């Protein structure tokens, strides 16, 4: 697998994991966006892979979802996820 393809695949997987964690938290995109002080499109765009999150943004999303950044990384590293 080429490096670029793997990165794109990993980005898509991260987006799917974030969406799944939000839906498991029973939190609509609009509610999460409001908690983040952002428009709903912010959440939609990173969940569809149209936008990347930097580390501080990712940490903030995790906090609002009730998980730690470490927990997110564990989900991401679990090859059975998403």
N, C-alpha and C. Protein backbone atom coordinates (compact mmCIF):
# COMPACT_ATOMS: atom_id res chain seq x y z
N UNK A 1 0.85 -1.17 0.00
CA UNK A 1 0.00 0.00 0.00
C UNK A 1 0.90 1.24 0.00
N UNK A 2 0.64 2.15 -0.92
CA UNK A 2 1.47 3.35 -0.99
C UNK A 2 1.22 4.25 0.21
N UNK A 3 2.21 5.06 0.53
CA UNK A 3 2.10 5.95 1.68
C UNK A 3 0.93 6.92 1.58
N UNK A 4 0.75 7.52 0.40
CA UNK A 4 -0.33 8.49 0.23
C UNK A 4 -1.69 7.81 0.38
N UNK A 5 -1.86 6.63 -0.22
CA UNK A 5 -3.12 5.91 -0.11
C UNK A 5 -3.41 5.56 1.35
N UNK A 6 -2.38 5.12 2.06
CA UNK A 6 -2.56 4.76 3.47
C UNK A 6 -2.98 5.97 4.30
N UNK A 7 -2.37 7.12 4.06
CA UNK A 7 -2.74 8.33 4.79
C UNK A 7 -4.20 8.69 4.52
N UNK A 8 -4.60 8.64 3.25
CA UNK A 8 -5.99 8.95 2.91
C UNK A 8 -6.94 7.95 3.55
N UNK A 9 -6.57 6.69 3.57
CA UNK A 9 -7.39 5.66 4.20
C UNK A 9 -7.49 5.90 5.70
N UNK A 10 -6.38 6.25 6.32
CA UNK A 10 -6.38 6.54 7.76
C UNK A 10 -7.23 7.76 8.07
N UNK A 11 -7.17 8.78 7.24
CA UNK A 11 -8.01 9.98 7.45
C UNK A 11 -9.49 9.63 7.37
N UNK A 12 -9.85 8.81 6.39
CA UNK A 12 -11.25 8.40 6.24
C UNK A 12 -11.68 7.57 7.44
N UNK A 13 -10.81 6.71 7.92
CA UNK A 13 -11.13 5.88 9.09
C UNK A 13 -11.33 6.74 10.33
N UNK A 14 -10.47 7.74 10.51
CA UNK A 14 -10.62 8.64 11.65
C UNK A 14 -11.96 9.36 11.57
N UNK A 15 -12.33 9.83 10.40
CA UNK A 15 -13.61 10.52 10.23
C UNK A 15 -14.77 9.58 10.61
N UNK A 16 -14.71 8.33 10.17
CA UNK A 16 -15.76 7.36 10.50
C UNK A 16 -15.82 7.09 12.01
N UNK A 17 -14.66 7.00 12.64
CA UNK A 17 -14.63 6.76 14.09
C UNK A 17 -15.24 7.95 14.83
N UNK A 18 -14.87 9.15 14.45
CA UNK A 18 -15.43 10.34 15.10
C UNK A 18 -16.94 10.40 14.95
N UNK A 19 -17.43 10.07 13.76
CA UNK A 19 -18.88 10.07 13.53
C UNK A 19 -19.55 9.01 14.40
N UNK A 20 -18.96 7.81 14.43
CA UNK A 20 -19.54 6.73 15.23
C UNK A 20 -19.58 7.10 16.72
N UNK A 21 -18.49 7.69 17.21
CA UNK A 21 -18.45 8.07 18.63
C UNK A 21 -19.50 9.13 18.93
N UNK A 22 -19.71 10.05 18.00
CA UNK A 22 -20.74 11.08 18.21
C UNK A 22 -22.13 10.45 18.22
N UNK A 23 -22.39 9.56 17.28
CA UNK A 23 -23.72 8.94 17.23
C UNK A 23 -23.94 8.02 18.44
N UNK A 24 -22.89 7.34 18.89
CA UNK A 24 -23.02 6.52 20.10
C UNK A 24 -23.32 7.37 21.32
N UNK A 25 -22.81 8.61 21.31
CA UNK A 25 -23.09 9.54 22.41
C UNK A 25 -24.48 10.16 22.27
N UNK A 26 -25.20 9.76 21.20
CA UNK A 26 -26.54 10.27 20.91
C UNK A 26 -26.55 11.79 20.84
N UNK A 27 -25.54 12.32 20.16
CA UNK A 27 -25.39 13.75 20.04
C UNK A 27 -25.48 14.16 18.56
N UNK A 28 -26.53 14.87 18.19
CA UNK A 28 -26.62 15.35 16.81
C UNK A 28 -25.47 16.29 16.48
N UNK A 29 -25.15 16.38 15.20
CA UNK A 29 -24.07 17.28 14.77
C UNK A 29 -24.28 18.69 15.28
N UNK A 30 -25.51 19.18 15.21
CA UNK A 30 -25.79 20.55 15.64
C UNK A 30 -25.50 20.77 17.12
N UNK A 31 -25.81 19.78 17.94
CA UNK A 31 -25.54 19.90 19.38
C UNK A 31 -24.04 19.94 19.65
N UNK A 32 -23.31 19.05 18.98
CA UNK A 32 -21.87 19.04 19.17
C UNK A 32 -21.26 20.36 18.69
N UNK A 33 -21.71 20.82 17.55
CA UNK A 33 -21.20 22.08 17.02
C UNK A 33 -21.45 23.23 18.00
N UNK A 34 -22.64 23.25 18.56
CA UNK A 34 -22.97 24.31 19.53
C UNK A 34 -22.03 24.25 20.73
N UNK A 35 -21.78 23.04 21.22
CA UNK A 35 -20.88 22.88 22.37
C UNK A 35 -19.46 23.33 22.04
N UNK A 36 -19.09 23.15 20.75
CA UNK A 36 -17.75 23.56 20.31
C UNK A 36 -17.69 25.04 19.94
N UNK A 37 -18.85 25.69 19.89
CA UNK A 37 -18.90 27.09 19.48
C UNK A 37 -18.64 27.26 18.00
N UNK A 38 -19.04 26.27 17.22
CA UNK A 38 -18.80 26.25 15.77
C UNK A 38 -20.11 26.02 15.04
N UNK A 39 -20.15 26.30 13.74
CA UNK A 39 -21.35 25.96 12.97
C UNK A 39 -21.45 24.45 12.75
N UNK A 40 -22.65 23.99 12.49
CA UNK A 40 -22.88 22.56 12.25
C UNK A 40 -22.03 22.06 11.10
N UNK A 41 -21.77 22.92 10.12
CA UNK A 41 -20.97 22.51 8.96
C UNK A 41 -19.54 22.13 9.35
N UNK A 42 -19.04 22.67 10.46
CA UNK A 42 -17.71 22.30 10.95
C UNK A 42 -17.66 20.80 11.24
N UNK A 43 -18.66 20.32 11.97
CA UNK A 43 -18.72 18.90 12.32
C UNK A 43 -18.95 18.07 11.07
N UNK A 44 -19.88 18.49 10.24
CA UNK A 44 -20.17 17.76 9.01
C UNK A 44 -18.93 17.62 8.13
N UNK A 45 -18.17 18.69 8.00
CA UNK A 45 -17.01 18.67 7.11
C UNK A 45 -15.90 17.75 7.62
N UNK A 46 -15.65 17.71 8.93
CA UNK A 46 -14.59 16.78 9.36
C UNK A 46 -15.09 15.35 9.38
N UNK A 47 -16.39 15.14 9.57
CA UNK A 47 -16.92 13.77 9.53
C UNK A 47 -16.97 13.20 8.12
N UNK A 48 -17.00 14.05 7.13
CA UNK A 48 -17.01 13.58 5.74
C UNK A 48 -15.62 13.64 5.11
N UNK A 49 -14.63 14.07 5.89
CA UNK A 49 -13.27 14.11 5.39
C UNK A 49 -12.95 15.34 4.56
N UNK A 50 -13.86 16.31 4.53
CA UNK A 50 -13.62 17.54 3.77
C UNK A 50 -12.74 18.52 4.53
N UNK A 51 -12.58 18.28 5.83
CA UNK A 51 -11.78 19.16 6.67
C UNK A 51 -10.96 18.31 7.63
N UNK A 52 -9.73 18.74 7.85
CA UNK A 52 -8.88 18.07 8.84
C UNK A 52 -8.95 18.84 10.15
N UNK A 53 -8.79 18.11 11.23
CA UNK A 53 -8.73 18.73 12.55
C UNK A 53 -7.28 18.78 13.00
N UNK A 54 -6.88 19.91 13.59
CA UNK A 54 -5.56 19.93 14.20
C UNK A 54 -5.68 19.33 15.60
N UNK A 55 -4.58 19.11 16.25
CA UNK A 55 -4.58 18.40 17.53
C UNK A 55 -5.42 19.11 18.60
N UNK A 56 -5.29 20.44 18.77
CA UNK A 56 -6.15 21.08 19.78
C UNK A 56 -7.65 20.95 19.45
N UNK A 57 -8.02 21.02 18.17
CA UNK A 57 -9.42 20.84 17.79
C UNK A 57 -9.87 19.42 18.08
N UNK A 58 -9.04 18.46 17.75
CA UNK A 58 -9.36 17.05 17.99
C UNK A 58 -9.55 16.80 19.49
N UNK A 59 -8.69 17.38 20.30
CA UNK A 59 -8.81 17.23 21.75
C UNK A 59 -10.12 17.82 22.25
N UNK A 60 -10.50 18.98 21.71
CA UNK A 60 -11.75 19.62 22.11
C UNK A 60 -12.96 18.77 21.71
N UNK A 61 -12.94 18.21 20.52
CA UNK A 61 -14.02 17.32 20.08
C UNK A 61 -14.12 16.13 21.03
N UNK A 62 -13.00 15.53 21.34
CA UNK A 62 -12.99 14.38 22.26
C UNK A 62 -13.59 14.75 23.61
N UNK A 63 -13.20 15.89 24.14
CA UNK A 63 -13.72 16.32 25.45
C UNK A 63 -15.23 16.45 25.40
N UNK A 64 -15.75 17.02 24.33
CA UNK A 64 -17.20 17.19 24.22
C UNK A 64 -17.92 15.87 24.03
N UNK A 65 -17.23 14.87 23.48
CA UNK A 65 -17.82 13.55 23.32
C UNK A 65 -17.64 12.69 24.57
N UNK A 66 -16.94 13.22 25.57
CA UNK A 66 -16.76 12.50 26.82
C UNK A 66 -15.69 11.44 26.79
N UNK A 67 -14.72 11.60 25.88
CA UNK A 67 -13.60 10.67 25.82
C UNK A 67 -12.30 11.46 25.86
N UNK A 68 -11.22 10.75 26.10
CA UNK A 68 -9.91 11.39 26.08
C UNK A 68 -9.29 11.20 24.70
N UNK A 69 -8.31 12.01 24.42
CA UNK A 69 -7.56 11.87 23.18
C UNK A 69 -6.91 10.48 23.12
N UNK A 70 -6.44 10.02 24.24
CA UNK A 70 -5.83 8.68 24.32
C UNK A 70 -6.84 7.60 23.94
N UNK A 71 -8.09 7.74 24.39
CA UNK A 71 -9.12 6.77 24.04
C UNK A 71 -9.38 6.79 22.53
N UNK A 72 -9.38 7.97 21.94
CA UNK A 72 -9.57 8.07 20.49
C UNK A 72 -8.45 7.35 19.75
N UNK A 73 -7.22 7.57 20.21
CA UNK A 73 -6.08 6.91 19.57
C UNK A 73 -6.21 5.39 19.70
N UNK A 74 -6.68 4.92 20.83
CA UNK A 74 -6.88 3.48 21.00
C UNK A 74 -7.92 2.95 20.03
N UNK A 75 -9.00 3.68 19.83
CA UNK A 75 -10.00 3.30 18.82
C UNK A 75 -9.35 3.25 17.44
N UNK A 76 -8.56 4.26 17.14
CA UNK A 76 -7.92 4.37 15.83
C UNK A 76 -6.93 3.24 15.60
N UNK A 77 -6.19 2.87 16.63
CA UNK A 77 -5.19 1.81 16.51
C UNK A 77 -5.80 0.42 16.45
N UNK A 78 -7.04 0.29 16.91
CA UNK A 78 -7.74 -1.00 16.86
C UNK A 78 -8.14 -1.25 15.41
N UNK A 79 -7.51 -2.16 14.74
CA UNK A 79 -7.74 -2.42 13.32
C UNK A 79 -9.13 -2.96 13.03
N UNK A 80 -9.88 -3.34 14.04
CA UNK A 80 -11.25 -3.82 13.83
C UNK A 80 -12.26 -2.67 13.81
N UNK A 81 -11.79 -1.47 14.14
CA UNK A 81 -12.65 -0.29 14.15
C UNK A 81 -12.91 0.20 12.74
N UNK A 82 -14.10 0.73 12.58
CA UNK A 82 -14.52 1.41 11.34
C UNK A 82 -13.91 0.76 10.14
